[in-house]
């Protein structure tokens, strides 16, 4: 009975849609991390917690 109900319901497509959404998001994040020139930006951001606020204000 359950098998007959599952065969007729459109909910069986939801896992496929969810997997496609996950794959698209994963590939977008992977592309953003691995693109050329992103290393400079990440280096700058990685130093932000270590910078002195007074030195940063004097440069601005």
N, C-alpha and C. Protein backbone atom coordinates (compact mmCIF):
# COMPACT_ATOMS: atom_id res chain seq x y z
N UNK A 1 0.82 -1.19 0.00
CA UNK A 1 0.00 0.00 0.00
C UNK A 1 0.87 1.26 0.00
N UNK A 2 1.90 1.25 0.82
CA UNK A 2 2.80 2.40 0.87
C UNK A 2 3.51 2.58 -0.46
N UNK A 3 3.91 1.48 -1.06
CA UNK A 3 4.60 1.56 -2.35
C UNK A 3 3.70 2.16 -3.42
N UNK A 4 2.42 1.82 -3.41
CA UNK A 4 1.48 2.39 -4.38
C UNK A 4 1.29 3.88 -4.15
N UNK A 5 1.23 4.28 -2.89
CA UNK A 5 1.06 5.71 -2.58
C UNK A 5 2.31 6.50 -3.00
N UNK A 6 3.49 5.96 -2.72
CA UNK A 6 4.72 6.64 -3.11
C UNK A 6 4.88 6.73 -4.62
N UNK A 7 4.38 5.76 -5.34
CA UNK A 7 4.49 5.78 -6.80
C UNK A 7 3.64 6.89 -7.40
N UNK A 8 2.58 7.26 -6.73
CA UNK A 8 1.68 8.28 -7.28
C UNK A 8 1.91 9.68 -6.75
N UNK A 9 2.79 9.85 -5.80
CA UNK A 9 2.99 11.17 -5.20
C UNK A 9 4.16 11.90 -5.87
N UNK A 10 4.05 13.21 -6.01
CA UNK A 10 5.15 13.98 -6.62
C UNK A 10 6.29 14.25 -5.64
N UNK A 11 6.17 13.78 -4.41
CA UNK A 11 7.21 14.04 -3.41
C UNK A 11 8.49 13.26 -3.66
N UNK A 12 8.45 12.29 -4.53
CA UNK A 12 9.66 11.52 -4.81
C UNK A 12 10.70 12.33 -5.57
N UNK A 13 10.30 13.44 -6.13
CA UNK A 13 11.22 14.29 -6.87
C UNK A 13 11.98 15.24 -5.93
N UNK A 14 11.51 15.43 -4.71
CA UNK A 14 12.15 16.37 -3.79
C UNK A 14 13.60 16.03 -3.45
N UNK A 15 13.96 14.78 -3.20
CA UNK A 15 15.38 14.50 -2.95
C UNK A 15 16.28 14.82 -4.13
N UNK A 16 15.80 14.65 -5.32
CA UNK A 16 16.59 14.99 -6.51
C UNK A 16 16.78 16.50 -6.60
N UNK A 17 15.73 17.24 -6.33
CA UNK A 17 15.81 18.71 -6.34
C UNK A 17 16.76 19.19 -5.25
N UNK A 18 16.67 18.61 -4.06
CA UNK A 18 17.54 18.99 -2.96
C UNK A 18 19.00 18.69 -3.29
N UNK A 19 19.27 17.56 -3.91
CA UNK A 19 20.64 17.21 -4.29
C UNK A 19 21.17 18.18 -5.34
N UNK A 20 20.35 18.56 -6.28
CA UNK A 20 20.78 19.53 -7.31
C UNK A 20 21.07 20.89 -6.70
N UNK A 21 20.25 21.31 -5.75
CA UNK A 21 20.49 22.58 -5.07
C UNK A 21 21.78 22.53 -4.27
N UNK A 22 22.02 21.45 -3.56
CA UNK A 22 23.25 21.29 -2.80
C UNK A 22 24.46 21.30 -3.71
N UNK A 23 24.38 20.59 -4.83
CA UNK A 23 25.49 20.53 -5.76
C UNK A 23 25.79 21.91 -6.35
N UNK A 24 24.75 22.66 -6.69
CA UNK A 24 24.95 24.00 -7.24
C UNK A 24 25.61 24.91 -6.20
N UNK A 25 25.14 24.85 -4.96
CA UNK A 25 25.73 25.68 -3.90
C UNK A 25 27.17 25.28 -3.63
N UNK A 26 27.44 23.99 -3.58
CA UNK A 26 28.79 23.49 -3.34
C UNK A 26 29.75 23.93 -4.44
N UNK A 27 29.32 23.82 -5.67
CA UNK A 27 30.17 24.24 -6.79
C UNK A 27 30.39 25.75 -6.80
N UNK A 28 29.39 26.53 -6.40
CA UNK A 28 29.56 27.98 -6.33
C UNK A 28 30.57 28.36 -5.25
N UNK A 29 30.51 27.72 -4.11
CA UNK A 29 31.48 27.99 -3.04
C UNK A 29 32.87 27.54 -3.47
N UNK A 30 32.96 26.39 -4.08
CA UNK A 30 34.25 25.87 -4.55
C UNK A 30 34.85 26.81 -5.59
N UNK A 31 34.05 27.30 -6.51
CA UNK A 31 34.53 28.24 -7.52
C UNK A 31 35.03 29.53 -6.87
N UNK A 32 34.28 30.05 -5.89
CA UNK A 32 34.69 31.29 -5.24
C UNK A 32 36.01 31.13 -4.50
N UNK A 33 36.22 29.99 -3.87
CA UNK A 33 37.45 29.76 -3.11
C UNK A 33 38.63 29.52 -4.04
N UNK A 34 38.44 28.82 -5.13
CA UNK A 34 39.55 28.39 -5.97
C UNK A 34 39.86 29.34 -7.13
N UNK A 35 39.11 30.41 -7.32
CA UNK A 35 39.37 31.28 -8.47
C UNK A 35 40.69 32.03 -8.30
N UNK A 36 41.23 32.49 -9.40
CA UNK A 36 42.50 33.21 -9.39
C UNK A 36 42.32 34.56 -8.72
N UNK A 37 43.33 34.96 -7.97
CA UNK A 37 43.30 36.27 -7.33
C UNK A 37 42.59 36.29 -5.99
N UNK A 38 41.95 35.20 -5.61
CA UNK A 38 41.24 35.21 -4.33
C UNK A 38 42.20 35.10 -3.16
N UNK A 39 43.41 34.63 -3.40
CA UNK A 39 44.39 34.48 -2.33
C UNK A 39 44.76 35.81 -1.69
N UNK A 40 44.88 36.86 -2.49
CA UNK A 40 45.20 38.19 -1.96
C UNK A 40 44.11 38.68 -1.02
N UNK A 41 42.89 38.48 -1.44
CA UNK A 41 41.76 38.91 -0.62
C UNK A 41 41.71 38.14 0.70
N UNK A 42 41.96 36.84 0.62
CA UNK A 42 41.92 36.02 1.83
C UNK A 42 43.09 36.35 2.76
N UNK A 43 44.25 36.68 2.20
CA UNK A 43 45.38 37.09 3.03
C UNK A 43 45.06 38.37 3.79
N UNK A 44 44.46 39.33 3.08
CA UNK A 44 44.08 40.59 3.72
C UNK A 44 43.06 40.37 4.83
N UNK A 45 42.07 39.54 4.56
CA UNK A 45 41.04 39.27 5.57
C UNK A 45 41.59 38.48 6.74
N UNK A 46 42.58 37.63 6.50
CA UNK A 46 43.13 36.82 7.60
C UNK A 46 43.94 37.67 8.57
N UNK A 47 44.45 38.80 8.11
CA UNK A 47 45.21 39.67 9.00
C UNK A 47 44.34 40.66 9.77
N UNK A 48 43.08 40.78 9.43
CA UNK A 48 42.21 41.76 10.09
C UNK A 48 42.14 41.58 11.61
N UNK A 49 42.00 40.37 12.15
CA UNK A 49 41.92 40.25 13.61
C UNK A 49 43.22 40.64 14.32
N UNK A 50 44.34 40.64 13.61
CA UNK A 50 45.62 40.94 14.23
C UNK A 50 46.03 42.40 14.11
N UNK A 51 45.33 43.17 13.28
CA UNK A 51 45.69 44.57 13.08
C UNK A 51 45.27 45.41 14.28
N UNK A 52 46.06 46.44 14.52
CA UNK A 52 45.76 47.38 15.57
C UNK A 52 44.76 48.40 15.03
N UNK A 53 43.71 48.71 15.77
CA UNK A 53 42.70 49.65 15.32
C UNK A 53 43.27 51.06 15.13
N UNK A 54 44.19 51.49 16.00
CA UNK A 54 44.75 52.84 15.89
C UNK A 54 45.56 52.97 14.60
N UNK A 55 46.33 51.97 14.26
CA UNK A 55 47.13 52.01 13.03
C UNK A 55 46.22 52.03 11.80
N UNK A 56 45.12 51.33 11.88
CA UNK A 56 44.19 51.29 10.76
C UNK A 56 43.51 52.65 10.57
N UNK A 57 43.18 53.33 11.68
CA UNK A 57 42.54 54.65 11.58
C UNK A 57 43.51 55.70 11.05
N UNK A 58 44.77 55.59 11.39
CA UNK A 58 45.74 56.60 10.93
C UNK A 58 45.99 56.46 9.43
N UNK A 59 45.83 55.28 8.89
CA UNK A 59 46.01 55.08 7.46
C UNK A 59 44.83 55.58 6.65
N UNK A 60 43.66 55.62 7.25
CA UNK A 60 42.45 56.03 6.52
C UNK A 60 42.34 57.50 6.31
